[in-house]
Amino acid sequence: MQARRCHKRLRQPGFALPLVLMLLLAASVLVTVLLTRRSSARVAVKKQSDGYVSHHIQAGLKDFISVFLTTAKRTKESNIAGGVVGFNLDLEQNLRMEVRLKDLGGSILATAEPGSIRGQVLGRAVVILQESKELDLRYIRVFGPPRVSVHGSEPEALAALAQAVDPACDAREFVNQIVQERAKRDLNDNDIRNAGSKARIGGNKLDLLTAVTTADPNFWWLEARVIDPNGRELIRQGGFATGSLKPGTGTSSGSWSIELWADLPKGEPFAAALATR
């Protein structure tokens, strides 16, 4: 009898081993599930956070840019004479915003000041252009400031302006002077007068030329895009803006106004929205 009792005591650990293994397995599965849920929760929170940041950047992008236009400096490679200026900003979540502006003041305002001398000159320039070209936004516009920016103006528009001011002038010489000088640097109002003089525009007509042109562009096409660390474009918006840049430094001067702001198709070249369809 005593031997049998001893034998039973020796068999008990053998029955406990599978139970221990089952408990360990269950605990392992439970820990794996908890870790998976925690990892999934972190991913969900990250996506939610990124979505929150993206939403509020997109919702307030117009107002955000309006503030920075008064303080930001141009990128090193940009200049007015090149037709495009801009600046970059580093945002949260390692995002980068690129803001670019294109001088649209080079086209002629077709509805400028009816009955005024300046309005008559601009109207004649539009007629001259119509006789030789199929016009688009590069040449005429229906809103914006009346003075024509010599930085963003097409050669044909410059020639039409010179002819509208003085039909007897050398319009080709005026165009050559402006195009050559703006390729080197930002122009000023004296450059316009010098170009007009070399084109044999003088007296009151030279004053009229400077009254319908400007070397200080203040009508722009504006685009902003937000890019993630992998270079993927998350947001792209744009619209028309009025404002002036300080010469030399590229910081803005005075107040800015942004109009007709809207979402733009992602992945397109800059200012593709202005292309003739």
Protein backbone atom coordinates (compact mmCIF):
# COMPACT_ATOMS: atom_id res chain seq x y z
CA MET A 1 0.00 0.00 0.00
CA GLN A 2 2.73 2.45 0.88
CA ALA A 3 4.53 1.80 -2.43
CA ARG A 4 1.34 2.59 -4.43
CA ARG A 5 0.87 5.92 -2.63
CA CYS A 6 4.46 6.85 -3.46
CA HIS A 7 3.85 5.93 -7.09
CA LYS A 8 0.82 8.25 -7.28
CA ARG A 9 2.80 11.16 -5.84
CA LEU A 10 5.47 10.65 -8.52
CA ARG A 11 2.85 10.88 -11.34
CA GLN A 12 1.36 14.28 -10.31
CA PRO A 13 4.09 16.54 -11.84
CA GLY A 14 3.63 14.82 -15.18
CA PHE A 15 -0.01 15.95 -15.33
CA ALA A 16 0.90 19.57 -14.34
CA LEU A 17 3.40 20.14 -17.19
CA PRO A 18 0.83 20.34 -20.05
CA LEU A 19 -1.26 22.72 -17.95
CA VAL A 20 1.73 25.00 -17.41
CA LEU A 21 2.54 24.95 -21.13
CA MET A 22 -1.07 25.82 -21.99
CA LEU A 23 -1.03 28.74 -19.54
CA LEU A 24 2.26 30.00 -21.01
CA LEU A 25 0.85 29.72 -24.52
CA ALA A 26 -2.30 31.58 -23.54
CA ALA A 27 -0.26 34.30 -21.87
CA SER A 28 1.92 34.59 -24.96
CA VAL A 29 -1.10 34.94 -27.22
CA LEU A 30 -2.60 37.55 -24.89
CA VAL A 31 0.61 39.61 -24.83
CA THR A 32 0.85 39.43 -28.64
CA VAL A 33 -2.73 40.60 -29.01
CA LEU A 34 -2.19 43.47 -26.58
CA LEU A 35 1.02 44.55 -28.34
CA THR A 36 -0.70 44.37 -31.73
CA ARG A 37 -3.61 46.44 -30.49
CA ARG A 38 -1.24 48.98 -28.97
CA SER A 39 0.74 49.23 -32.21
CA SER A 40 -2.47 49.60 -34.22
CA ALA A 41 -3.64 52.28 -31.81
CA ARG A 42 -0.40 54.22 -32.29
CA VAL A 43 -0.76 54.01 -36.07
CA ALA A 44 -4.38 55.17 -35.83
CA VAL A 45 -3.43 58.07 -33.56
CA LYS A 46 -0.58 59.03 -35.94
CA LYS A 47 -2.95 59.00 -38.93
CA GLN A 48 -5.50 61.01 -37.00
CA SER A 49 -2.84 63.52 -35.94
CA ASP A 50 -1.50 63.85 -39.49
CA GLY A 51 -5.03 64.29 -40.80
CA TYR A 52 -5.73 66.96 -38.19
CA VAL A 53 -2.59 68.90 -39.10
CA SER A 54 -3.28 68.55 -42.83
CA HIS A 55 -6.91 69.66 -42.43
CA HIS A 56 -6.05 72.80 -40.49
CA ILE A 57 -3.15 73.70 -42.76
CA GLN A 58 -5.47 73.40 -45.73
CA ALA A 59 -8.34 75.26 -44.05
CA GLY A 60 -6.17 78.20 -43.01
CA LEU A 61 -3.62 78.22 -45.81
CA LYS A 62 -4.89 81.42 -47.40
CA ASP A 63 -4.79 83.41 -44.13
CA PHE A 64 -1.47 81.79 -43.18
CA ILE A 65 0.16 82.94 -46.41
CA SER A 66 -1.34 86.42 -46.13
CA VAL A 67 0.62 86.90 -42.90
CA PHE A 68 3.90 85.52 -44.24
CA LEU A 69 3.73 87.58 -47.43
CA THR A 70 4.43 90.63 -45.27
CA THR A 71 7.49 89.11 -43.57
CA ALA A 72 9.02 86.33 -45.68
CA LYS A 73 11.98 86.77 -48.00
CA ARG A 74 12.35 85.37 -51.46
CA THR A 75 14.28 82.20 -52.13
CA LYS A 76 17.84 82.91 -53.23
CA GLU A 77 17.26 81.86 -56.83
CA SER A 78 14.13 83.97 -57.36
CA ASN A 79 13.90 87.46 -58.80
CA ILE A 80 11.16 89.59 -60.30
CA ALA A 81 12.90 89.76 -63.65
CA GLY A 82 12.62 85.97 -63.90
CA GLY A 83 8.85 86.25 -63.57
CA VAL A 84 8.53 84.05 -60.46
CA VAL A 85 9.34 84.83 -56.83
CA GLY A 86 8.67 82.81 -53.70
CA PHE A 87 9.69 81.47 -50.32
CA ASN A 88 9.77 78.17 -48.39
CA LEU A 89 8.55 77.43 -44.87
CA ASP A 90 9.26 74.46 -42.57
CA LEU A 91 6.11 73.21 -40.82
CA GLU A 92 5.29 70.67 -38.10
CA GLN A 93 5.42 66.92 -38.83
CA ASN A 94 8.51 67.55 -41.05
CA LEU A 95 6.31 69.11 -43.71
CA ARG A 96 7.50 71.86 -46.04
CA MET A 97 5.45 74.58 -47.69
CA GLU A 98 6.53 76.12 -50.98
CA VAL A 99 4.94 79.43 -51.97
CA ARG A 100 5.45 80.81 -55.47
CA LEU A 101 4.17 83.97 -57.15
CA LYS A 102 4.06 84.81 -60.84
CA ASP A 103 3.82 88.39 -62.04
CA LEU A 104 0.51 88.69 -63.90
CA GLY A 105 0.59 92.47 -64.17
CA GLY A 106 2.33 92.22 -67.54
CA SER A 107 -0.96 91.63 -69.32
CA ILE A 108 -3.02 94.67 -70.30
CA LEU A 109 -6.18 95.56 -68.42
CA ALA A 110 -8.83 95.74 -71.12
CA THR A 111 -11.38 97.48 -68.89
CA ALA A 112 -9.16 100.21 -67.42
CA GLU A 113 -10.69 103.61 -66.66
CA PRO A 114 -13.05 104.13 -69.63
CA GLY A 115 -12.86 107.70 -70.93
CA SER A 116 -9.53 108.50 -69.28
CA ILE A 117 -6.32 109.08 -71.25
CA ARG A 118 -4.71 106.06 -69.62
CA GLY A 119 -7.76 103.94 -70.41
CA GLN A 120 -7.63 105.07 -74.05
CA VAL A 121 -3.96 104.12 -74.36
CA LEU A 122 -4.53 100.67 -72.88
CA GLY A 123 -7.58 100.20 -75.12
CA ARG A 124 -5.50 101.04 -78.22
CA ALA A 125 -2.82 98.57 -77.09
CA VAL A 126 -5.45 95.82 -76.83
CA VAL A 127 -6.67 96.60 -80.38
CA ILE A 128 -3.08 96.47 -81.69
CA LEU A 129 -2.59 93.08 -80.05
CA GLN A 130 -5.87 91.75 -81.42
CA GLU A 131 -4.76 92.53 -84.95
CA SER A 132 -1.79 90.17 -84.69
CA LYS A 133 -2.49 87.56 -81.99
CA GLU A 134 -5.11 85.29 -80.48
CA LEU A 135 -5.21 86.81 -77.01
CA ASP A 136 -5.12 84.95 -73.69
CA LEU A 137 -4.15 85.74 -70.08
CA ARG A 138 -0.56 86.43 -71.11
CA TYR A 139 -1.72 89.51 -73.02
CA ILE A 140 -5.00 90.84 -71.60
CA ARG A 141 -6.97 90.64 -68.37
CA VAL A 142 -10.27 91.98 -67.07
CA PHE A 143 -9.34 92.75 -63.46
CA GLY A 144 -6.37 93.90 -61.42
CA PRO A 145 -4.36 97.15 -61.29
CA PRO A 146 -4.33 99.23 -64.51
CA ARG A 147 -0.57 99.81 -64.78
CA VAL A 148 1.29 97.18 -66.80
CA SER A 149 4.30 95.49 -65.17
CA VAL A 150 7.32 95.57 -67.48
CA HIS A 151 8.73 92.53 -65.67
CA GLY A 152 5.91 90.16 -66.55
CA SER A 153 4.90 91.61 -69.91
CA GLU A 154 5.29 89.64 -73.14
CA PRO A 155 7.37 91.37 -75.87
CA GLU A 156 4.27 91.74 -78.06
CA ALA A 157 2.42 93.52 -75.25
CA LEU A 158 5.36 95.86 -74.64
CA ALA A 159 5.47 96.74 -78.33
CA ALA A 160 1.71 97.34 -78.41
CA LEU A 161 1.97 99.68 -75.41
CA ALA A 162 4.77 101.70 -77.02
CA GLN A 163 2.80 102.00 -80.26
CA ALA A 164 -0.36 102.98 -78.38
CA VAL A 165 1.53 105.78 -76.62
CA ASP A 166 3.35 106.98 -79.75
CA PRO A 167 2.59 105.38 -83.14
CA ALA A 168 5.75 106.95 -84.61
CA CYS A 169 8.13 105.42 -82.02
CA ASP A 170 10.59 102.58 -82.51
CA ALA A 171 8.58 99.94 -80.62
CA ARG A 172 11.12 97.22 -81.39
CA GLU A 173 13.88 99.23 -79.69
CA PHE A 174 11.69 99.76 -76.63
CA VAL A 175 11.09 96.00 -76.37
CA ASN A 176 14.78 95.20 -76.82
CA GLN A 177 15.83 97.59 -74.08
CA ILE A 178 13.30 96.26 -71.56
CA VAL A 179 13.90 92.57 -72.31
CA GLN A 180 17.70 92.89 -72.19
CA GLU A 181 17.79 94.83 -68.94
CA ARG A 182 15.20 92.74 -67.06
CA ALA A 183 17.14 89.58 -67.90
CA LYS A 184 20.02 90.99 -65.84
CA ARG A 185 18.25 92.48 -62.81
CA ASP A 186 15.06 93.92 -61.38
CA LEU A 187 14.07 97.08 -63.24
CA ASN A 188 13.04 100.47 -61.89
CA ASP A 189 10.96 103.32 -63.28
CA ASN A 190 14.06 105.09 -64.64
CA ASP A 191 14.78 102.05 -66.79
CA ILE A 192 11.36 102.44 -68.40
CA ARG A 193 11.99 106.13 -69.18
CA ASN A 194 15.44 105.33 -70.60
CA ALA A 195 13.99 102.60 -72.81
CA GLY A 196 11.28 104.99 -74.00
CA SER A 197 13.83 107.68 -74.80
CA LYS A 198 15.93 105.26 -76.84
CA ALA A 199 12.74 104.31 -78.69
CA ARG A 200 12.28 108.03 -79.58
CA ILE A 201 9.36 108.61 -77.22
CA GLY A 202 9.65 112.05 -75.64
CA GLY A 203 7.89 114.88 -73.91
CA ASN A 204 4.38 114.32 -72.65
CA LYS A 205 4.24 110.96 -74.39
CA LEU A 206 7.13 109.70 -72.28
CA ASP A 207 5.22 110.76 -69.17
CA LEU A 208 2.20 108.90 -70.52
CA LEU A 209 4.32 105.78 -71.05
CA THR A 210 5.41 105.81 -67.41
CA ALA A 211 1.80 106.40 -66.34
CA VAL A 212 0.60 103.17 -67.98
CA THR A 213 3.59 101.00 -66.95
CA THR A 214 5.32 100.08 -63.69
CA ALA A 215 8.52 98.40 -62.51
CA ASP A 216 6.84 97.52 -59.21
CA PRO A 217 4.52 94.59 -59.98
CA ASN A 218 1.54 94.20 -57.65
CA PHE A 219 -0.74 91.67 -59.35
CA TRP A 220 0.22 88.01 -58.99
CA TRP A 221 -0.76 84.40 -59.51
CA LEU A 222 -0.06 82.69 -56.19
CA GLU A 223 0.35 78.95 -55.50
CA ALA A 224 1.14 77.14 -52.25
CA ARG A 225 1.86 73.45 -51.88
CA VAL A 226 2.61 71.34 -48.81
CA ILE A 227 5.11 68.48 -49.23
CA ASP A 228 5.85 65.58 -46.88
CA PRO A 229 9.42 64.35 -46.09
CA ASN A 230 9.21 61.89 -49.02
CA GLY A 231 8.48 64.66 -51.49
CA ARG A 232 4.81 63.72 -51.86
CA GLU A 233 2.51 66.66 -52.51
CA LEU A 234 -0.24 66.74 -49.88
CA ILE A 235 -1.94 70.06 -50.57
CA ARG A 236 -1.96 72.44 -53.53
CA GLN A 237 -3.96 75.68 -53.53
CA GLY A 238 -3.77 78.93 -55.43
CA GLY A 239 -5.40 82.15 -56.52
CA PHE A 240 -4.88 85.78 -57.49
CA ALA A 241 -3.15 88.23 -55.17
CA THR A 242 -2.44 91.94 -55.08
CA GLY A 243 0.53 93.30 -53.17
CA SER A 244 3.95 94.82 -53.64
CA LEU A 245 7.49 93.62 -53.00
CA LYS A 246 10.21 95.83 -51.59
CA PRO A 247 13.02 96.26 -54.12
CA GLY A 248 16.22 94.37 -53.38
CA THR A 249 15.32 92.40 -50.27
CA GLY A 250 12.21 90.76 -51.64
CA THR A 251 10.26 91.31 -48.42
CA SER A 252 6.77 92.55 -49.09
CA SER A 253 5.60 96.09 -48.69
CA GLY A 254 2.20 97.18 -47.38
CA SER A 255 -0.89 95.00 -47.25
CA TRP A 256 -1.73 92.01 -49.41
CA SER A 257 -5.09 90.78 -50.65
CA ILE A 258 -5.71 87.24 -51.91
CA GLU A 259 -8.74 86.62 -54.15
CA LEU A 260 -10.41 83.64 -55.84
CA TRP A 261 -8.54 81.12 -53.65
CA ALA A 262 -9.23 77.45 -54.49
CA ASP A 263 -7.83 73.91 -54.44
CA LEU A 264 -5.69 73.03 -57.47
CA PRO A 265 -4.92 69.66 -59.06
CA LYS A 266 -1.86 68.10 -57.45
CA GLY A 267 1.30 67.28 -59.34
CA GLU A 268 0.92 69.92 -62.05
CA PRO A 269 3.67 72.37 -63.08
CA PHE A 270 3.57 75.77 -61.46
CA ALA A 271 0.92 78.09 -63.00
CA ALA A 272 -0.52 75.27 -65.12
CA ALA A 273 -3.97 76.54 -64.11
CA LEU A 274 -3.30 79.64 -66.24
CA ALA A 275 -2.57 77.67 -69.40
CA THR A 276 -4.96 78.11 -72.31
CA ARG A 277 -7.33 75.14 -72.37
